[in-house]
Amino acid sequence: MNDGSPLADAQQQFVDALSNKTNETEICRLSAALGRTLASDVQAPTDMPPYHRAIVEGWLVNSADTQGADEGSPISFNITGNIIPGDESCPVPGTGKALRVATGSIVVDGPVAIIRPWEGKEDGNMVSITRPFPPRFFIEEQGYDLKQDATAVAAGTIISAAEIGTIASLGIDEIEVARAPKVTLFASGDEVIPYTDPLKPGSIRDSNSIMLASAVTEAGGVPVIAGIMGDNFDKFVAAVKTAIESSDMIVISGGTAVGGRDFISDLLKEVG
């Protein structure tokens, strides 16, 4: 947000001057997608979850058979089977019958309900209840999270671990992402030396280049440190023009040069 300060005004002028071009895209494996920008919507190839499933453990019964149950008139069911995660189907419990189910198990369609463990009393192969249960009680419906062809992750999203998990749950391993912008970094000044060099009178270490490279990486770009340019105007112009051919952005840390000349400003005008 522009707060009216000179810095904010300058930043806004810079942003307004940028082109709205869209970077090229590329296909990226999910394992390498962290921090990349999604270029096209990821759509669910199937409903998620892909089947009705139990969200608690307990006993699956026909909900109509539970009507009328109370403390004075409990209703009992004969436990006739078990449904566990990994089973490919679930039978319809017959009248007066119950199926023991585990959390995450596939559940049949229709007016069935799950009796939670603390709401039923098991005795041998029988379970009794003292209250009625509505249809689909504690059952997560197929497609509850996502319907087939719905957008799971929208284009423009910066991929985090959460999005990687969502995309992986859809069985998708390759996504279309924006090509990471290449940012070439120059440092300017005769007095500037590599930050690993011994410091001598009148010199200053180039801490900017590695710091800016880190910031570019953090923002999802690919930094290229082009080195330290002395106060040779023509040589600097030639280097920047060459870098422009293969870069999406040029960043120069530096300012005035010999005689107080506005060196970088003149360089930018020369480059065009």
C-alpha atoms as a PDB file:
ATOM      1  CA  MET A   1       0.000   0.000   0.000  1.00  0.00           C
ATOM      2  CA  ASN A   2       1.318   3.446  -0.918  1.00  0.00           C
ATOM      3  CA  ASP A   3       1.495   5.514   2.282  1.00  0.00           C
ATOM      4  CA  GLY A   4       2.555   8.688   0.474  1.00  0.00           C
ATOM      5  CA  SER A   5       6.199   8.528   1.551  1.00  0.00           C
ATOM      6  CA  PRO A   6       8.965   9.192  -0.996  1.00  0.00           C
ATOM      7  CA  LEU A   7      10.047   5.544  -0.783  1.00  0.00           C
ATOM      8  CA  ALA A   8       6.518   4.276  -1.378  1.00  0.00           C
ATOM      9  CA  ASP A   9       6.091   6.698  -4.288  1.00  0.00           C
ATOM     10  CA  ALA A  10       9.325   5.484  -5.861  1.00  0.00           C
ATOM     11  CA  GLN A  11       8.321   1.850  -5.414  1.00  0.00           C
ATOM     12  CA  GLN A  12       4.928   2.516  -6.975  1.00  0.00           C
ATOM     13  CA  GLN A  13       6.503   4.277  -9.975  1.00  0.00           C
ATOM     14  CA  PHE A  14       8.763   1.266 -10.431  1.00  0.00           C
ATOM     15  CA  VAL A  15       5.893  -1.216 -10.291  1.00  0.00           C
ATOM     16  CA  ASP A  16       3.764   0.872 -12.667  1.00  0.00           C
ATOM     17  CA  ALA A  17       6.613   0.962 -15.176  1.00  0.00           C
ATOM     18  CA  LEU A  18       7.004  -2.810 -15.277  1.00  0.00           C
ATOM     19  CA  SER A  19       5.533  -4.673 -18.215  1.00  0.00           C
ATOM     20  CA  ASN A  20       2.719  -7.135 -17.600  1.00  0.00           C
ATOM     21  CA  LYS A  21       4.400  -9.866 -19.582  1.00  0.00           C
ATOM     22  CA  THR A  22       3.891 -13.402 -18.367  1.00  0.00           C
ATOM     23  CA  ASN A  23       6.923 -15.598 -18.003  1.00  0.00           C
ATOM     24  CA  GLU A  24       7.160 -18.747 -20.047  1.00  0.00           C
ATOM     25  CA  THR A  25       5.941 -21.880 -18.342  1.00  0.00           C
ATOM     26  CA  GLU A  26       7.482 -25.277 -17.796  1.00  0.00           C
ATOM     27  CA  ILE A  27       6.498 -28.649 -16.412  1.00  0.00           C
ATOM     28  CA  CYS A  28       7.772 -29.375 -12.929  1.00  0.00           C
ATOM     29  CA  ARG A  29       7.820 -32.581 -10.893  1.00  0.00           C
ATOM     30  CA  LEU A  30       5.925 -32.238  -7.629  1.00  0.00           C
ATOM     31  CA  SER A  31       9.035 -33.093  -5.602  1.00  0.00           C
ATOM     32  CA  ALA A  32      10.737 -29.971  -7.015  1.00  0.00           C
ATOM     33  CA  ALA A  33       7.719 -27.640  -6.918  1.00  0.00           C
ATOM     34  CA  LEU A  34       8.190 -26.013  -3.510  1.00  0.00           C
ATOM     35  CA  GLY A  35       8.198 -22.222  -3.890  1.00  0.00           C
ATOM     36  CA  ARG A  36       7.285 -22.290  -7.583  1.00  0.00           C
ATOM     37  CA  THR A  37       4.321 -20.334  -8.964  1.00  0.00           C
ATOM     38  CA  LEU A  38       1.519 -22.425 -10.414  1.00  0.00           C
ATOM     39  CA  ALA A  39       0.813 -21.385 -14.015  1.00  0.00           C
ATOM     40  CA  SER A  40      -2.470 -23.202 -14.573  1.00  0.00           C
ATOM     41  CA  ASP A  41      -5.242 -24.510 -12.328  1.00  0.00           C
ATOM     42  CA  VAL A  42      -4.845 -27.988 -10.889  1.00  0.00           C
ATOM     43  CA  GLN A  43      -8.206 -29.718 -11.213  1.00  0.00           C
ATOM     44  CA  ALA A  44      -9.415 -32.780  -9.373  1.00  0.00           C
ATOM     45  CA  PRO A  45      -9.440 -35.783 -11.730  1.00  0.00           C
ATOM     46  CA  THR A  46     -11.923 -37.545  -9.432  1.00  0.00           C
ATOM     47  CA  ASP A  47     -14.152 -36.754  -6.481  1.00  0.00           C
ATOM     48  CA  MET A  48     -12.268 -36.355  -3.201  1.00  0.00           C
ATOM     49  CA  PRO A  49     -12.796 -38.378  -1.174  1.00  0.00           C
ATOM     50  CA  PRO A  50     -13.483 -40.851  -3.999  1.00  0.00           C
ATOM     51  CA  TYR A  51     -16.031 -42.811  -1.941  1.00  0.00           C
ATOM     52  CA  HIS A  52     -18.292 -42.395   1.092  1.00  0.00           C
ATOM     53  CA  ARG A  53     -16.247 -43.109   4.199  1.00  0.00           C
ATOM     54  CA  ALA A  54     -16.591 -43.436   7.951  1.00  0.00           C
ATOM     55  CA  ILE A  55     -15.159 -40.557   9.932  1.00  0.00           C
ATOM     56  CA  VAL A  56     -15.426 -42.437  13.233  1.00  0.00           C
ATOM     57  CA  GLU A  57     -15.225 -46.053  14.239  1.00  0.00           C
ATOM     58  CA  GLY A  58     -18.319 -47.857  15.461  1.00  0.00           C
ATOM     59  CA  TRP A  59     -21.186 -49.879  14.017  1.00  0.00           C
ATOM     60  CA  LEU A  60     -22.946 -49.241  10.720  1.00  0.00           C
ATOM     61  CA  VAL A  61     -26.700 -49.796  10.815  1.00  0.00           C
ATOM     62  CA  ASN A  62     -29.838 -48.915   8.876  1.00  0.00           C
ATOM     63  CA  SER A  63     -30.923 -45.631  10.465  1.00  0.00           C
ATOM     64  CA  ALA A  64     -34.624 -46.589  10.181  1.00  0.00           C
ATOM     65  CA  ASP A  65     -33.966 -49.514  12.536  1.00  0.00           C
ATOM     66  CA  THR A  66     -32.813 -47.116  15.255  1.00  0.00           C
ATOM     67  CA  GLN A  67     -36.029 -45.128  15.453  1.00  0.00           C
ATOM     68  CA  GLY A  68     -37.849 -45.476  18.759  1.00  0.00           C
ATOM     69  CA  ALA A  69     -34.783 -46.478  20.754  1.00  0.00           C
ATOM     70  CA  ASP A  70     -34.553 -44.931  24.230  1.00  0.00           C
ATOM     71  CA  GLU A  71     -33.353 -45.745  27.730  1.00  0.00           C
ATOM     72  CA  GLY A  72     -36.489 -47.711  28.504  1.00  0.00           C
ATOM     73  CA  SER A  73     -36.625 -49.492  25.140  1.00  0.00           C
ATOM     74  CA  PRO A  74     -33.124 -50.226  23.827  1.00  0.00           C
ATOM     75  CA  ILE A  75     -32.798 -51.722  20.353  1.00  0.00           C
ATOM     76  CA  SER A  76     -30.228 -54.437  19.627  1.00  0.00           C
ATOM     77  CA  PHE A  77     -28.400 -55.352  16.426  1.00  0.00           C
ATOM     78  CA  ASN A  78     -26.628 -58.521  15.433  1.00  0.00           C
ATOM     79  CA  ILE A  79     -23.017 -57.772  14.377  1.00  0.00           C
ATOM     80  CA  THR A  80     -22.519 -59.686  11.139  1.00  0.00           C
ATOM     81  CA  GLY A  81     -19.189 -58.397   9.776  1.00  0.00           C
ATOM     82  CA  ASN A  82     -16.335 -55.933   9.748  1.00  0.00           C
ATOM     83  CA  ILE A  83     -15.396 -53.186   7.304  1.00  0.00           C
ATOM     84  CA  ILE A  84     -11.821 -51.898   7.472  1.00  0.00           C
ATOM     85  CA  PRO A  85      -9.777 -49.355   5.470  1.00  0.00           C
ATOM     86  CA  GLY A  86      -8.695 -50.950   2.207  1.00  0.00           C
ATOM     87  CA  ASP A  87     -11.913 -52.905   1.688  1.00  0.00           C
ATOM     88  CA  GLU A  88     -13.226 -52.112  -1.792  1.00  0.00           C
ATOM     89  CA  SER A  89     -16.915 -52.346  -0.966  1.00  0.00           C
ATOM     90  CA  CYS A  90     -19.384 -52.241   1.882  1.00  0.00           C
ATOM     91  CA  PRO A  91     -22.604 -54.290   1.990  1.00  0.00           C
ATOM     92  CA  VAL A  92     -25.914 -52.808   3.056  1.00  0.00           C
ATOM     93  CA  PRO A  93     -26.591 -53.854   6.639  1.00  0.00           C
ATOM     94  CA  GLY A  94     -29.739 -55.957   6.758  1.00  0.00           C
ATOM     95  CA  THR A  95     -32.679 -55.271   9.038  1.00  0.00           C
ATOM     96  CA  GLY A  96     -31.562 -55.696  12.634  1.00  0.00           C
ATOM     97  CA  LYS A  97     -27.957 -56.173  11.505  1.00  0.00           C
ATOM     98  CA  ALA A  98     -24.823 -54.120  12.164  1.00  0.00           C
ATOM     99  CA  LEU A  99     -21.374 -53.968  10.595  1.00  0.00           C
ATOM    100  CA  ARG A 100     -18.356 -53.030  12.668  1.00  0.00           C
ATOM    101  CA  VAL A 101     -16.523 -50.182  10.830  1.00  0.00           C
ATOM    102  CA  ALA A 102     -13.156 -48.478  11.321  1.00  0.00           C
ATOM    103  CA  THR A 103     -12.359 -44.821  10.682  1.00  0.00           C
ATOM    104  CA  GLY A 104     -11.682 -44.253   6.989  1.00  0.00           C
ATOM    105  CA  SER A 105     -13.547 -47.351   5.845  1.00  0.00           C
ATOM    106  CA  ILE A 106     -15.653 -47.258   2.695  1.00  0.00           C
ATOM    107  CA  VAL A 107     -19.371 -46.917   3.469  1.00  0.00           C
ATOM    108  CA  VAL A 108     -22.369 -47.855   1.370  1.00  0.00           C
ATOM    109  CA  ASP A 109     -24.750 -45.237  -0.016  1.00  0.00           C
ATOM    110  CA  GLY A 110     -28.265 -44.964   1.398  1.00  0.00           C
ATOM    111  CA  PRO A 111     -30.007 -44.273   4.731  1.00  0.00           C
ATOM    112  CA  VAL A 112     -27.383 -45.766   7.027  1.00  0.00           C
ATOM    113  CA  ALA A 113     -25.726 -44.324  10.132  1.00  0.00           C
ATOM    114  CA  ILE A 114     -22.728 -45.007  12.340  1.00  0.00           C
ATOM    115  CA  ILE A 115     -23.202 -45.704  16.030  1.00  0.00           C
ATOM    116  CA  ARG A 116     -20.158 -44.321  17.831  1.00  0.00           C
ATOM    117  CA  PRO A 117     -18.457 -46.581  20.440  1.00  0.00           C
ATOM    118  CA  TRP A 118     -19.746 -44.634  23.453  1.00  0.00           C
ATOM    119  CA  GLU A 119     -23.304 -44.647  22.089  1.00  0.00           C
ATOM    120  CA  GLY A 120     -23.645 -48.411  21.832  1.00  0.00           C
ATOM    121  CA  LYS A 121     -23.095 -51.283  24.212  1.00  0.00           C
ATOM    122  CA  GLU A 122     -21.508 -54.377  22.721  1.00  0.00           C
ATOM    123  CA  ASP A 123     -22.127 -57.775  24.242  1.00  0.00           C
ATOM    124  CA  GLY A 124     -20.763 -60.720  22.326  1.00  0.00           C
ATOM    125  CA  ASN A 125     -22.000 -60.406  18.740  1.00  0.00           C
ATOM    126  CA  MET A 126     -24.729 -57.937  19.703  1.00  0.00           C
ATOM    127  CA  VAL A 127     -24.748 -54.148  20.110  1.00  0.00           C
ATOM    128  CA  SER A 128     -27.609 -52.206  21.705  1.00  0.00           C
ATOM    129  CA  ILE A 129     -28.518 -48.517  21.526  1.00  0.00           C
ATOM    130  CA  THR A 130     -30.756 -46.227  23.562  1.00  0.00           C
ATOM    131  CA  ARG A 131     -31.359 -43.398  21.061  1.00  0.00           C
ATOM    132  CA  PRO A 132     -32.183 -43.020  17.356  1.00  0.00           C
ATOM    133  CA  PHE A 133     -29.635 -42.002  14.719  1.00  0.00           C
ATOM    134  CA  PRO A 134     -30.283 -39.890  11.594  1.00  0.00           C
ATOM    135  CA  PRO A 135     -29.291 -41.076   8.111  1.00  0.00           C
ATOM    136  CA  ARG A 136     -25.614 -40.534   7.152  1.00  0.00           C
ATOM    137  CA  PHE A 137     -24.622 -39.844  10.756  1.00  0.00           C
ATOM    138  CA  PHE A 138     -20.815 -39.411  10.914  1.00  0.00           C
ATOM    139  CA  ILE A 139     -20.322 -40.393   7.280  1.00  0.00           C
ATOM    140  CA  GLU A 140     -18.229 -38.200   4.966  1.00  0.00           C
ATOM    141  CA  GLU A 141     -19.795 -38.131   1.525  1.00  0.00           C
ATOM    142  CA  GLN A 142     -17.954 -38.812  -1.713  1.00  0.00           C
ATOM    143  CA  GLY A 143     -16.732 -35.499  -3.156  1.00  0.00           C
ATOM    144  CA  TYR A 144     -17.134 -33.640   0.140  1.00  0.00           C
ATOM    145  CA  ASP A 145     -13.693 -32.001  -0.223  1.00  0.00           C
ATOM    146  CA  LEU A 146     -13.599 -31.684  -4.016  1.00  0.00           C
ATOM    147  CA  LYS A 147     -15.880 -32.600  -6.867  1.00  0.00           C
ATOM    148  CA  GLN A 148     -14.408 -34.003 -10.051  1.00  0.00           C
ATOM    149  CA  ASP A 149     -13.022 -31.209 -12.299  1.00  0.00           C
ATOM    150  CA  ALA A 150     -13.197 -28.655  -9.450  1.00  0.00           C
ATOM    151  CA  THR A 151     -10.148 -26.430  -8.987  1.00  0.00           C
ATOM    152  CA  ALA A 152      -7.968 -27.888  -6.252  1.00  0.00           C
ATOM    153  CA  VAL A 153      -5.185 -25.294  -6.475  1.00  0.00           C
ATOM    154  CA  ALA A 154      -5.614 -22.071  -8.478  1.00  0.00           C
ATOM    155  CA  ALA A 155      -3.141 -20.663 -10.984  1.00  0.00           C
ATOM    156  CA  GLY A 156      -0.940 -17.995  -9.424  1.00  0.00           C
ATOM    157  CA  THR A 157      -0.555 -19.882  -6.161  1.00  0.00           C
ATOM    158  CA  ILE A 158       2.965 -20.061  -4.758  1.00  0.00           C
ATOM    159  CA  ILE A 159       3.368 -23.744  -3.979  1.00  0.00           C
ATOM    160  CA  SER A 160       3.886 -24.560  -0.312  1.00  0.00           C
ATOM    161  CA  ALA A 161       4.013 -27.891   1.479  1.00  0.00           C
ATOM    162  CA  ALA A 162       0.221 -27.754   1.913  1.00  0.00           C
ATOM    163  CA  GLU A 163      -0.402 -27.442  -1.842  1.00  0.00           C
ATOM    164  CA  ILE A 164       2.060 -30.248  -2.530  1.00  0.00           C
ATOM    165  CA  GLY A 165       0.058 -32.476  -0.190  1.00  0.00           C
ATOM    166  CA  THR A 166      -3.218 -31.532  -1.877  1.00  0.00           C
ATOM    167  CA  ILE A 167      -1.855 -32.184  -5.373  1.00  0.00           C
ATOM    168  CA  ALA A 168      -0.271 -35.468  -4.303  1.00  0.00           C
ATOM    169  CA  SER A 169      -3.618 -36.633  -2.903  1.00  0.00           C
ATOM    170  CA  LEU A 170      -5.007 -36.271  -6.439  1.00  0.00           C
ATOM    171  CA  GLY A 171      -2.370 -38.607  -7.862  1.00  0.00           C
ATOM    172  CA  ILE A 172      -0.730 -35.799  -9.873  1.00  0.00           C
ATOM    173  CA  ASP A 173       3.077 -35.682 -10.131  1.00  0.00           C
ATOM    174  CA  GLU A 174       3.676 -33.007 -12.800  1.00  0.00           C
ATOM    175  CA  ILE A 175       2.330 -29.454 -12.767  1.00  0.00           C
ATOM    176  CA  GLU A 176       2.726 -26.415 -14.986  1.00  0.00           C
ATOM    177  CA  VAL A 177       4.648 -23.619 -13.299  1.00  0.00           C
ATOM    178  CA  ALA A 178       5.937 -20.227 -14.359  1.00  0.00           C
ATOM    179  CA  ARG A 179       9.573 -20.207 -15.341  1.00  0.00           C
ATOM    180  CA  ALA A 180      11.516 -18.654 -12.485  1.00  0.00           C
ATOM    181  CA  PRO A 181      12.641 -15.127 -13.489  1.00  0.00           C
ATOM    182  CA  LYS A 182      16.377 -14.658 -13.946  1.00  0.00           C
ATOM    183  CA  VAL A 183      17.741 -11.632 -12.087  1.00  0.00           C
ATOM    184  CA  THR A 184      21.271 -10.417 -12.828  1.00  0.00           C
ATOM    185  CA  LEU A 185      22.994  -8.513 -10.031  1.00  0.00           C
ATOM    186  CA  PHE A 186      25.759  -5.949 -10.422  1.00  0.00           C
ATOM    187  CA  ALA A 187      27.702  -4.076  -7.767  1.00  0.00           C
ATOM    188  CA  SER A 188      29.118  -0.688  -8.716  1.00  0.00           C
ATOM    189  CA  GLY A 189      32.117   1.280  -7.532  1.00  0.00           C
ATOM    190  CA  ASP A 190      35.919   1.331  -7.706  1.00  0.00           C
ATOM    191  CA  GLU A 191      36.046   1.090  -3.930  1.00  0.00           C
ATOM    192  CA  VAL A 192      33.940  -2.089  -3.770  1.00  0.00           C
ATOM    193  CA  ILE A 193      35.780  -5.378  -3.207  1.00  0.00           C
ATOM    194  CA  PRO A 194      34.574  -9.020  -2.850  1.00  0.00           C
ATOM    195  CA  TYR A 195      33.260  -9.569   0.662  1.00  0.00           C
ATOM    196  CA  THR A 196      35.827 -12.315   1.257  1.00  0.00           C
ATOM    197  CA  ASP A 197      38.807 -10.057   0.475  1.00  0.00           C
ATOM    198  CA  PRO A 198      40.893  -8.419   3.216  1.00  0.00           C
ATOM    199  CA  LEU A 199      39.603  -4.940   3.943  1.00  0.00           C
ATOM    200  CA  LYS A 200      41.996  -2.122   3.085  1.00  0.00           C
ATOM    201  CA  PRO A 201      41.771   1.658   3.587  1.00  0.00           C
ATOM    202  CA  GLY A 202      39.179   3.273   1.357  1.00  0.00           C
ATOM    203  CA  SER A 203      37.519   0.006   0.311  1.00  0.00           C
ATOM    204  CA  ILE A 204      34.140  -1.482   1.190  1.00  0.00           C
ATOM    205  CA  ARG A 205      33.066  -5.101   0.991  1.00  0.00           C
ATOM    206  CA  ASP A 206      30.326  -6.106  -1.442  1.00  0.00           C
ATOM    207  CA  SER A 207      27.772  -7.499   0.982  1.00  0.00           C
ATOM    208  CA  ASN A 208      24.907  -6.375  -1.254  1.00  0.00           C
ATOM    209  CA  SER A 209      25.313  -8.926  -4.046  1.00  0.00           C
ATOM    210  CA  ILE A 210      25.038 -12.034  -1.896  1.00  0.00           C
ATOM    211  CA  MET A 211      22.283 -10.461   0.189  1.00  0.00           C
ATOM    212  CA  LEU A 212      20.263  -9.542  -2.918  1.00  0.00           C
ATOM    213  CA  ALA A 213      20.882 -12.981  -4.428  1.00  0.00           C
ATOM    214  CA  SER A 214      19.378 -14.510  -1.300  1.00  0.00           C
ATOM    215  CA  ALA A 215      16.394 -12.168  -1.529  1.00  0.00           C
ATOM    216  CA  VAL A 216      15.863 -13.109  -5.187  1.00  0.00           C
ATOM    217  CA  THR A 217      15.980 -16.815  -4.331  1.00  0.00           C
ATOM    218  CA  GLU A 218      13.608 -16.250  -1.412  1.00  0.00           C
ATOM    219  CA  ALA A 219      11.168 -14.509  -3.778  1.00  0.00           C
ATOM    220  CA  GLY A 220      11.265 -17.379  -6.278  1.00  0.00           C
ATOM    221  CA  GLY A 221      13.780 -16.022  -8.775  1.00  0.00           C
ATOM    222  CA  VAL A 222      17.120 -17.270 -10.069  1.00  0.00           C
ATOM    223  CA  PRO A 223      19.943 -14.872  -9.147  1.00  0.00           C
ATOM    224  CA  VAL A 224      23.059 -14.396 -11.264  1.00  0.00           C
ATOM    225  CA  ILE A 225      25.845 -12.445  -9.590  1.00  0.00           C
ATOM    226  CA  ALA A 226      27.571 -10.602 -12.441  1.00  0.00           C
ATOM    227  CA  GLY A 227      30.299  -9.170 -10.272  1.00  0.00           C
ATOM    228  CA  ILE A 228      31.678  -5.785  -9.306  1.00  0.00           C
ATOM    229  CA  MET A 229      31.877  -3.117 -11.987  1.00  0.00           C
ATOM    230  CA  GLY A 230      34.286  -0.237 -11.596  1.00  0.00           C
ATOM    231  CA  ASP A 231      33.485   3.317 -12.522  1.00  0.00           C
ATOM    232  CA  ASN A 232      34.059   2.703 -16.245  1.00  0.00           C
ATOM    233  CA  PHE A 233      30.869   3.955 -17.826  1.00  0.00           C
ATOM    234  CA  ASP A 234      31.210   2.385 -21.285  1.00  0.00           C
ATOM    235  CA  LYS A 235      32.310  -0.994 -19.931  1.00  0.00           C
ATOM    236  CA  PHE A 236      29.416  -1.015 -17.482  1.00  0.00           C
ATOM    237  CA  VAL A 237      26.886  -0.132 -20.203  1.00  0.00           C
ATOM    238  CA  ALA A 238      28.172  -2.960 -22.401  1.00  0.00           C
ATOM    239  CA  ALA A 239      27.931  -5.461 -19.522  1.00  0.00           C
ATOM    240  CA  VAL A 240      24.356  -4.447 -18.690  1.00  0.00           C
ATOM    241  CA  LYS A 241      23.265  -4.619 -22.340  1.00  0.00           C
ATOM    242  CA  THR A 242      24.706  -8.139 -22.584  1.00  0.00           C
ATOM    243  CA  ALA A 243      22.976  -9.207 -19.358  1.00  0.00           C
ATOM    244  CA  ILE A 244      19.620  -7.869 -20.559  1.00  0.00           C
ATOM    245  CA  GLU A 245      19.639 -10.392 -23.405  1.00  0.00           C
ATOM    246  CA  SER A 246      19.381 -13.304 -20.968  1.00  0.00           C
ATOM    247  CA  SER A 247      17.734 -11.734 -17.905  1.00  0.00           C
ATOM    248  CA  ASP A 248      14.258 -10.764 -16.838  1.00  0.00           C
ATOM    249  CA  MET A 249      15.558  -8.086 -14.490  1.00  0.00           C
ATOM    250  CA  ILE A 250      18.796  -6.246 -13.741  1.00  0.00           C
ATOM    251  CA  VAL A 251      19.560  -5.049 -10.214  1.00  0.00           C
ATOM    252  CA  ILE A 252      22.445  -2.660  -9.604  1.00  0.00           C
ATOM    253  CA  SER A 253      23.674  -1.690  -6.167  1.00  0.00           C
ATOM    254  CA  GLY A 254      25.598   1.546  -6.392  1.00  0.00           C
ATOM    255  CA  GLY A 255      25.165   5.231  -6.978  1.00  0.00           C
ATOM    256  CA  THR A 256      27.319   8.202  -7.806  1.00  0.00           C
ATOM    257  CA  ALA A 257      30.815   7.898  -9.209  1.00  0.00           C
ATOM    258  CA  VAL A 258      33.826  10.130  -9.859  1.00  0.00           C
ATOM    259  CA  GLY A 259      33.039  13.832  -9.573  1.00  0.00           C
ATOM    260  CA  GLY A 260      29.598  13.207  -8.097  1.00  0.00           C
ATOM    261  CA  ARG A 261      28.197  12.137 -11.455  1.00  0.00           C
ATOM    262  CA  ASP A 262      24.831  10.366 -11.201  1.00  0.00           C
ATOM    263  CA  PHE A 263      26.466   7.314 -12.717  1.00  0.00           C
ATOM    264  CA  ILE A 264      23.661   4.744 -12.479  1.00  0.00           C
ATOM    265  CA  SER A 265      21.009   7.178 -13.654  1.00  0.00           C
ATOM    266  CA  ASP A 266      23.095   7.963 -16.751  1.00  0.00           C
ATOM    267  CA  LEU A 267      23.691   4.263 -17.306  1.00  0.00           C
ATOM    268  CA  LEU A 268      19.990   3.490 -17.280  1.00  0.00           C
ATOM    269  CA  LYS A 269      19.311   6.265 -19.769  1.00  0.00           C
ATOM    270  CA  GLU A 270      22.054   4.933 -22.034  1.00  0.00           C
ATOM    271  CA  VAL A 271      20.730   1.375 -21.893  1.00  0.00           C
ATOM    272  CA  GLY A 272      17.219   2.594 -22.711  1.00  0.00           C
END
